Amino acid sequence: MASEQLTVVVAPDSFKGSLPADEAAAAMARGARAVLGPGATVLERPLADGGEGTLDVLLAVWGTEPVEVGTVDAIGRPRTGRYGISPDGRTALIEAAEGNGLPHVSDVPLQPLRADSHGVGLIARALLDRPESTDLQEVLLCVGGSASTDGGTGLLTGLGARFLDADGQPVEPGGQGLGAIHAIDQDALHPRARQVDWRIAVDVDNPACGPRGAAAV
């Protein structure tokens, strides 16, 4: 009787600060092949949890290339961000960490009250501005790996909304301005923002305040 062929699936998430998921999977696969020999089938299936690397993992499955756009990091410094589009053009993926991610502000002390998600909004605006976006039905927004605690207000300002205090003035960006919000002006909100479905991908239950809150973490 012929022996049954062994199949090994290596499916890691990224090793935060060390290896992206695809490189971790490749390293594990090399080890498995070295031990098990040529008779084994080793499948590399890198995973992601809504944080850094989610875009690359899903684009590898879709077989599409990322679209690069100008944006800013969590403290307003210019950078290049990316988003992805499914092969049928109906689903877009925005990895929030491309606009407000922790790795892009690792060179300065963390600023949870000042940092915001405006860069994520700029990526979303660029996506919705595409002539091809008329086919778009859903935006998958992956919100892990964030350096901001602004509740998504920065994202919405990037799409044209304004958050106003009791005097009708824009509040300070970031988490520091949340307590002063008295009204939301949506008159200039990007029209396509209301025409697509938004789905949020995240793997944690992280409240805004308290010892487990986003600001403290």
C-alpha atoms as a PDB file:
ATOM      1  CA  MET A   1       0.000   0.000   0.000  1.00  0.00           C
ATOM      2  CA  ALA A   2       1.386   3.373  -0.954  1.00  0.00           C
ATOM      3  CA  SER A   3       1.941   5.754   1.929  1.00  0.00           C
ATOM      4  CA  GLU A   4      -0.358   8.742   2.102  1.00  0.00           C
ATOM      5  CA  GLN A   5       1.285  12.001   1.059  1.00  0.00           C
ATOM      6  CA  LEU A   6       1.669  14.522   3.864  1.00  0.00           C
ATOM      7  CA  THR A   7       0.307  18.033   3.343  1.00  0.00           C
ATOM      8  CA  VAL A   8       1.379  20.855   5.640  1.00  0.00           C
ATOM      9  CA  VAL A   9      -0.337  24.243   5.682  1.00  0.00           C
ATOM     10  CA  VAL A  10       1.631  27.167   7.111  1.00  0.00           C
ATOM     11  CA  ALA A  11      -0.715  30.104   7.769  1.00  0.00           C
ATOM     12  CA  PRO A  12       0.868  32.714  10.049  1.00  0.00           C
ATOM     13  CA  ASP A  13      -0.096  36.296  10.683  1.00  0.00           C
ATOM     14  CA  SER A  14       2.729  38.836  10.628  1.00  0.00           C
ATOM     15  CA  PHE A  15       5.270  38.821  13.450  1.00  0.00           C
ATOM     16  CA  LYS A  16       4.735  42.411  14.538  1.00  0.00           C
ATOM     17  CA  GLY A  17       7.895  44.443  14.149  1.00  0.00           C
ATOM     18  CA  SER A  18       9.841  41.458  12.805  1.00  0.00           C
ATOM     19  CA  LEU A  19       8.402  39.788   9.700  1.00  0.00           C
ATOM     20  CA  PRO A  20       5.434  40.356   7.397  1.00  0.00           C
ATOM     21  CA  ALA A  21       3.110  37.377   7.049  1.00  0.00           C
ATOM     22  CA  ASP A  22       4.393  36.254   3.649  1.00  0.00           C
ATOM     23  CA  GLU A  23       8.028  36.197   4.798  1.00  0.00           C
ATOM     24  CA  ALA A  24       7.072  34.344   7.984  1.00  0.00           C
ATOM     25  CA  ALA A  25       5.169  31.767   5.927  1.00  0.00           C
ATOM     26  CA  ALA A  26       8.117  31.342   3.557  1.00  0.00           C
ATOM     27  CA  ALA A  27      10.522  30.772   6.463  1.00  0.00           C
ATOM     28  CA  MET A  28       8.218  28.177   8.044  1.00  0.00           C
ATOM     29  CA  ALA A  29       7.752  26.450   4.700  1.00  0.00           C
ATOM     30  CA  ARG A  30      11.520  26.207   4.186  1.00  0.00           C
ATOM     31  CA  GLY A  31      11.838  24.557   7.592  1.00  0.00           C
ATOM     32  CA  ALA A  32       9.025  22.117   6.921  1.00  0.00           C
ATOM     33  CA  ARG A  33      10.467  21.099   3.545  1.00  0.00           C
ATOM     34  CA  ALA A  34      13.924  20.648   5.050  1.00  0.00           C
ATOM     35  CA  VAL A  35      12.570  18.256   7.696  1.00  0.00           C
ATOM     36  CA  LEU A  36       9.895  16.426   5.700  1.00  0.00           C
ATOM     37  CA  GLY A  37      11.703  16.116   2.404  1.00  0.00           C
ATOM     38  CA  PRO A  38      10.430  16.357  -1.173  1.00  0.00           C
ATOM     39  CA  GLY A  39       7.526  13.965  -0.605  1.00  0.00           C
ATOM     40  CA  ALA A  40       5.551  16.493   1.440  1.00  0.00           C
ATOM     41  CA  THR A  41       3.323  19.209   0.050  1.00  0.00           C
ATOM     42  CA  VAL A  42       3.792  22.495   1.881  1.00  0.00           C
ATOM     43  CA  LEU A  43       1.187  25.200   1.244  1.00  0.00           C
ATOM     44  CA  GLU A  44       1.949  28.803   2.166  1.00  0.00           C
ATOM     45  CA  ARG A  45      -1.169  30.715   3.196  1.00  0.00           C
ATOM     46  CA  PRO A  46      -0.211  33.969   4.990  1.00  0.00           C
ATOM     47  CA  LEU A  47      -3.032  35.509   7.016  1.00  0.00           C
ATOM     48  CA  ALA A  48      -3.906  38.958   8.378  1.00  0.00           C
ATOM     49  CA  ASP A  49      -6.197  40.261  11.103  1.00  0.00           C
ATOM     50  CA  GLY A  50      -7.169  43.722   9.866  1.00  0.00           C
ATOM     51  CA  GLY A  51      -3.872  45.359  10.801  1.00  0.00           C
ATOM     52  CA  GLU A  52      -0.644  45.863   8.909  1.00  0.00           C
ATOM     53  CA  GLY A  53      -0.246  43.424   6.053  1.00  0.00           C
ATOM     54  CA  THR A  54      -3.951  42.830   5.410  1.00  0.00           C
ATOM     55  CA  LEU A  55      -3.795  44.665   2.094  1.00  0.00           C
ATOM     56  CA  ASP A  56      -0.870  42.608   0.810  1.00  0.00           C
ATOM     57  CA  VAL A  57      -2.465  39.319   1.886  1.00  0.00           C
ATOM     58  CA  LEU A  58      -5.784  40.000   0.149  1.00  0.00           C
ATOM     59  CA  LEU A  59      -4.150  41.413  -2.983  1.00  0.00           C
ATOM     60  CA  ALA A  60      -2.162  38.173  -3.266  1.00  0.00           C
ATOM     61  CA  VAL A  61      -5.454  36.247  -3.220  1.00  0.00           C
ATOM     62  CA  TRP A  62      -7.125  38.616  -5.681  1.00  0.00           C
ATOM     63  CA  GLY A  63      -4.103  38.700  -7.979  1.00  0.00           C
ATOM     64  CA  THR A  64      -4.342  42.467  -8.366  1.00  0.00           C
ATOM     65  CA  GLU A  65      -1.800  45.240  -7.835  1.00  0.00           C
ATOM     66  CA  PRO A  66      -2.100  48.007  -5.198  1.00  0.00           C
ATOM     67  CA  VAL A  67      -2.988  51.535  -6.243  1.00  0.00           C
ATOM     68  CA  GLU A  68      -0.656  54.193  -4.819  1.00  0.00           C
ATOM     69  CA  VAL A  69      -1.952  57.602  -3.726  1.00  0.00           C
ATOM     70  CA  GLY A  70      -0.616  60.591  -1.841  1.00  0.00           C
ATOM     71  CA  THR A  71      -1.692  60.811   1.794  1.00  0.00           C
ATOM     72  CA  VAL A  72      -0.319  61.708   5.247  1.00  0.00           C
ATOM     73  CA  ASP A  73       0.651  59.722   8.315  1.00  0.00           C
ATOM     74  CA  ALA A  74      -1.026  59.952  11.716  1.00  0.00           C
ATOM     75  CA  ILE A  75       0.716  63.241  12.554  1.00  0.00           C
ATOM     76  CA  GLY A  76       0.248  64.859   9.153  1.00  0.00           C
ATOM     77  CA  ARG A  77       3.532  64.126   7.390  1.00  0.00           C
ATOM     78  CA  PRO A  78       3.239  63.387   3.644  1.00  0.00           C
ATOM     79  CA  ARG A  79       3.633  59.795   2.553  1.00  0.00           C
ATOM     80  CA  THR A  80       2.450  57.404  -0.150  1.00  0.00           C
ATOM     81  CA  GLY A  81      -0.422  55.119   0.769  1.00  0.00           C
ATOM     82  CA  ARG A  82      -2.089  52.250  -1.090  1.00  0.00           C
ATOM     83  CA  TYR A  83      -5.474  50.650  -1.551  1.00  0.00           C
ATOM     84  CA  GLY A  84      -6.689  47.596  -3.457  1.00  0.00           C
ATOM     85  CA  ILE A  85      -9.493  46.769  -5.873  1.00  0.00           C
ATOM     86  CA  SER A  86     -10.995  43.318  -6.452  1.00  0.00           C
ATOM     87  CA  PRO A  87     -10.749  41.851  -9.961  1.00  0.00           C
ATOM     88  CA  ASP A  88     -14.437  42.598 -10.659  1.00  0.00           C
ATOM     89  CA  GLY A  89     -14.092  46.189  -9.430  1.00  0.00           C
ATOM     90  CA  ARG A  90     -16.936  45.830  -6.949  1.00  0.00           C
ATOM     91  CA  THR A  91     -14.934  45.665  -3.701  1.00  0.00           C
ATOM     92  CA  ALA A  92     -12.158  47.948  -2.489  1.00  0.00           C
ATOM     93  CA  LEU A  93      -9.819  47.375   0.417  1.00  0.00           C
ATOM     94  CA  ILE A  94      -8.411  50.197   2.510  1.00  0.00           C
ATOM     95  CA  GLU A  95      -5.874  49.272   5.177  1.00  0.00           C
ATOM     96  CA  ALA A  96      -6.142  52.123   7.657  1.00  0.00           C
ATOM     97  CA  ALA A  97      -2.568  51.527   8.783  1.00  0.00           C
ATOM     98  CA  GLU A  98      -1.486  52.866   5.384  1.00  0.00           C
ATOM     99  CA  GLY A  99      -2.679  56.293   6.579  1.00  0.00           C
ATOM    100  CA  ASN A 100      -2.544  56.230  10.385  1.00  0.00           C
ATOM    101  CA  GLY A 101      -0.431  53.164  11.150  1.00  0.00           C
ATOM    102  CA  LEU A 102       1.962  52.799  14.048  1.00  0.00           C
ATOM    103  CA  PRO A 103       4.991  51.818  11.905  1.00  0.00           C
ATOM    104  CA  HIS A 104       4.954  55.170  10.070  1.00  0.00           C
ATOM    105  CA  VAL A 105       5.295  57.167  13.309  1.00  0.00           C
ATOM    106  CA  SER A 106       7.727  54.824  15.047  1.00  0.00           C
ATOM    107  CA  ASP A 107      10.462  57.454  14.697  1.00  0.00           C
ATOM    108  CA  VAL A 108       8.737  59.844  17.154  1.00  0.00           C
ATOM    109  CA  PRO A 109       7.092  59.454  20.581  1.00  0.00           C
ATOM    110  CA  LEU A 110       3.482  58.286  20.353  1.00  0.00           C
ATOM    111  CA  GLN A 111       0.961  61.133  20.336  1.00  0.00           C
ATOM    112  CA  PRO A 112      -2.440  59.481  20.900  1.00  0.00           C
ATOM    113  CA  LEU A 113      -4.290  62.755  21.520  1.00  0.00           C
ATOM    114  CA  ARG A 114      -2.889  64.582  18.490  1.00  0.00           C
ATOM    115  CA  ALA A 115      -2.649  61.700  15.991  1.00  0.00           C
ATOM    116  CA  ASP A 116      -5.620  61.305  13.666  1.00  0.00           C
ATOM    117  CA  SER A 117      -7.015  59.231  10.816  1.00  0.00           C
ATOM    118  CA  HIS A 118      -7.115  62.046   8.239  1.00  0.00           C
ATOM    119  CA  GLY A 119      -4.667  60.156   6.025  1.00  0.00           C
ATOM    120  CA  VAL A 120      -7.102  57.251   5.858  1.00  0.00           C
ATOM    121  CA  GLY A 121      -9.754  59.672   4.637  1.00  0.00           C
ATOM    122  CA  LEU A 122      -7.428  60.951   1.922  1.00  0.00           C
ATOM    123  CA  ILE A 123      -6.923  57.385   0.691  1.00  0.00           C
ATOM    124  CA  ALA A 124     -10.686  56.850   0.723  1.00  0.00           C
ATOM    125  CA  ARG A 125     -11.259  60.101  -1.185  1.00  0.00           C
ATOM    126  CA  ALA A 126      -8.734  59.089  -3.849  1.00  0.00           C
ATOM    127  CA  LEU A 127     -10.503  55.736  -4.166  1.00  0.00           C
ATOM    128  CA  LEU A 128     -13.961  57.299  -4.535  1.00  0.00           C
ATOM    129  CA  ASP A 129     -12.644  59.886  -7.003  1.00  0.00           C
ATOM    130  CA  ARG A 130     -11.641  57.164  -9.467  1.00  0.00           C
ATOM    131  CA  PRO A 131     -13.795  57.212 -12.616  1.00  0.00           C
ATOM    132  CA  GLU A 132     -14.034  53.435 -12.272  1.00  0.00           C
ATOM    133  CA  SER A 133     -15.532  53.776  -8.775  1.00  0.00           C
ATOM    134  CA  THR A 134     -19.006  53.813 -10.311  1.00  0.00           C
ATOM    135  CA  ASP A 135     -18.767  49.996 -10.274  1.00  0.00           C
ATOM    136  CA  LEU A 136     -17.730  49.971  -6.613  1.00  0.00           C
ATOM    137  CA  GLN A 137     -20.282  48.513  -4.214  1.00  0.00           C
ATOM    138  CA  GLU A 138     -18.364  47.878  -1.001  1.00  0.00           C
ATOM    139  CA  VAL A 139     -15.340  49.252   0.830  1.00  0.00           C
ATOM    140  CA  LEU A 140     -13.644  46.890   3.278  1.00  0.00           C
ATOM    141  CA  LEU A 141     -11.924  49.116   5.841  1.00  0.00           C
ATOM    142  CA  CYS A 142      -9.313  47.317   7.955  1.00  0.00           C
ATOM    143  CA  VAL A 143      -8.706  49.400  11.075  1.00  0.00           C
ATOM    144  CA  GLY A 144      -5.975  47.519  12.971  1.00  0.00           C
ATOM    145  CA  GLY A 145      -2.513  48.881  13.733  1.00  0.00           C
ATOM    146  CA  SER A 146      -3.751  52.416  14.303  1.00  0.00           C
ATOM    147  CA  ALA A 147      -1.763  55.159  16.022  1.00  0.00           C
ATOM    148  CA  SER A 148      -4.831  57.380  16.446  1.00  0.00           C
ATOM    149  CA  THR A 149      -7.742  57.604  18.906  1.00  0.00           C
ATOM    150  CA  ASP A 150      -9.963  60.054  17.036  1.00  0.00           C
ATOM    151  CA  GLY A 151     -12.931  57.734  16.536  1.00  0.00           C
ATOM    152  CA  GLY A 152     -12.665  58.044  12.763  1.00  0.00           C
ATOM    153  CA  THR A 153     -13.266  61.796  12.720  1.00  0.00           C
ATOM    154  CA  GLY A 154     -10.092  62.344  10.724  1.00  0.00           C
ATOM    155  CA  LEU A 155     -11.232  59.818   8.145  1.00  0.00           C
ATOM    156  CA  LEU A 156     -14.487  61.734   7.721  1.00  0.00           C
ATOM    157  CA  THR A 157     -12.719  65.107   7.458  1.00  0.00           C
ATOM    158  CA  GLY A 158     -10.663  63.588   4.651  1.00  0.00           C
ATOM    159  CA  LEU A 159     -13.972  62.835   2.944  1.00  0.00           C
ATOM    160  CA  GLY A 160     -15.239  66.378   3.451  1.00  0.00           C
ATOM    161  CA  ALA A 161     -17.106  66.354   6.775  1.00  0.00           C
ATOM    162  CA  ARG A 162     -16.466  69.018   9.433  1.00  0.00           C
ATOM    163  CA  PHE A 163     -16.676  68.588  13.219  1.00  0.00           C
ATOM    164  CA  LEU A 164     -17.653  71.842  14.906  1.00  0.00           C
ATOM    165  CA  ASP A 165     -17.611  73.130  18.488  1.00  0.00           C
ATOM    166  CA  ALA A 166     -20.365  75.137  20.161  1.00  0.00           C
ATOM    167  CA  ASP A 167     -19.101  78.300  18.457  1.00  0.00           C
ATOM    168  CA  GLY A 168     -19.261  76.728  15.017  1.00  0.00           C
ATOM    169  CA  GLN A 169     -15.481  76.390  14.740  1.00  0.00           C
ATOM    170  CA  PRO A 170     -13.641  73.209  13.695  1.00  0.00           C
ATOM    171  CA  VAL A 171     -12.458  71.206  16.704  1.00  0.00           C
ATOM    172  CA  GLU A 172      -8.824  70.222  17.136  1.00  0.00           C
ATOM    173  CA  PRO A 173      -7.838  67.089  15.211  1.00  0.00           C
ATOM    174  CA  GLY A 174      -7.214  63.822  16.982  1.00  0.00           C
ATOM    175  CA  GLY A 175      -8.640  62.456  20.192  1.00  0.00           C
ATOM    176  CA  GLN A 176      -8.095  65.781  21.925  1.00  0.00           C
ATOM    177  CA  GLY A 177     -10.989  67.374  20.048  1.00  0.00           C
ATOM    178  CA  LEU A 178     -13.665  64.721  20.564  1.00  0.00           C
ATOM    179  CA  GLY A 179     -15.070  66.220  23.756  1.00  0.00           C
ATOM    180  CA  ALA A 180     -15.657  69.580  22.076  1.00  0.00           C
ATOM    181  CA  ILE A 181     -17.766  68.284  19.163  1.00  0.00           C
ATOM    182  CA  HIS A 182     -21.152  70.024  19.123  1.00  0.00           C
ATOM    183  CA  ALA A 183     -22.248  69.485  15.511  1.00  0.00           C
ATOM    184  CA  ILE A 184     -21.241  67.619  12.351  1.00  0.00           C
ATOM    185  CA  ASP A 185     -21.414  69.424   9.022  1.00  0.00           C
ATOM    186  CA  GLN A 186     -21.869  66.874   6.239  1.00  0.00           C
ATOM    187  CA  ASP A 187     -22.682  69.295   3.431  1.00  0.00           C
ATOM    188  CA  ALA A 188     -19.353  68.713   1.677  1.00  0.00           C
ATOM    189  CA  LEU A 189     -19.132  64.970   2.382  1.00  0.00           C
ATOM    190  CA  HIS A 190     -18.000  63.068  -0.705  1.00  0.00           C
ATOM    191  CA  PRO A 191     -21.221  61.978  -2.475  1.00  0.00           C
ATOM    192  CA  ARG A 192     -19.896  58.493  -3.199  1.00  0.00           C
ATOM    193  CA  ALA A 193     -19.283  57.899   0.524  1.00  0.00           C
ATOM    194  CA  ARG A 194     -23.016  57.370   0.989  1.00  0.00           C
ATOM    195  CA  GLN A 195     -23.428  55.241  -2.123  1.00  0.00           C
ATOM    196  CA  VAL A 196     -21.160  52.350  -1.112  1.00  0.00           C
ATOM    197  CA  ASP A 197     -21.415  49.878   1.749  1.00  0.00           C
ATOM    198  CA  TRP A 198     -18.670  50.142   4.385  1.00  0.00           C
ATOM    199  CA  ARG A 199     -17.541  46.982   6.146  1.00  0.00           C
ATOM    200  CA  ILE A 200     -15.099  47.224   9.066  1.00  0.00           C
ATOM    201  CA  ALA A 201     -12.495  44.505   9.710  1.00  0.00           C
ATOM    202  CA  VAL A 202     -10.938  44.337  13.170  1.00  0.00           C
ATOM    203  CA  ASP A 203     -10.010  41.513  15.522  1.00  0.00           C
ATOM    204  CA  VAL A 204     -10.113  43.224  18.929  1.00  0.00           C
ATOM    205  CA  ASP A 205     -12.688  44.631  21.353  1.00  0.00           C
ATOM    206  CA  ASN A 206     -10.962  47.866  22.276  1.00  0.00           C
ATOM    207  CA  PRO A 207     -13.073  50.552  24.018  1.00  0.00           C
ATOM    208  CA  ALA A 208     -12.109  54.215  23.759  1.00  0.00           C
ATOM    209  CA  CYS A 209     -11.347  54.828  27.447  1.00  0.00           C
ATOM    210  CA  GLY A 210     -10.197  53.017  30.570  1.00  0.00           C
ATOM    211  CA  PRO A 211      -7.166  50.787  31.234  1.00  0.00           C
ATOM    212  CA  ARG A 212      -7.978  48.675  28.126  1.00  0.00           C
ATOM    213  CA  GLY A 213      -8.955  51.701  26.097  1.00  0.00           C
ATOM    214  CA  ALA A 214      -7.444  52.673  22.770  1.00  0.00           C
ATOM    215  CA  ALA A 215      -5.634  55.709  24.173  1.00  0.00           C
ATOM    216  CA  ALA A 216      -3.961  53.734  26.967  1.00  0.00           C
ATOM    217  CA  VAL A 217      -3.063  50.821  24.706  1.00  0.00           C
END
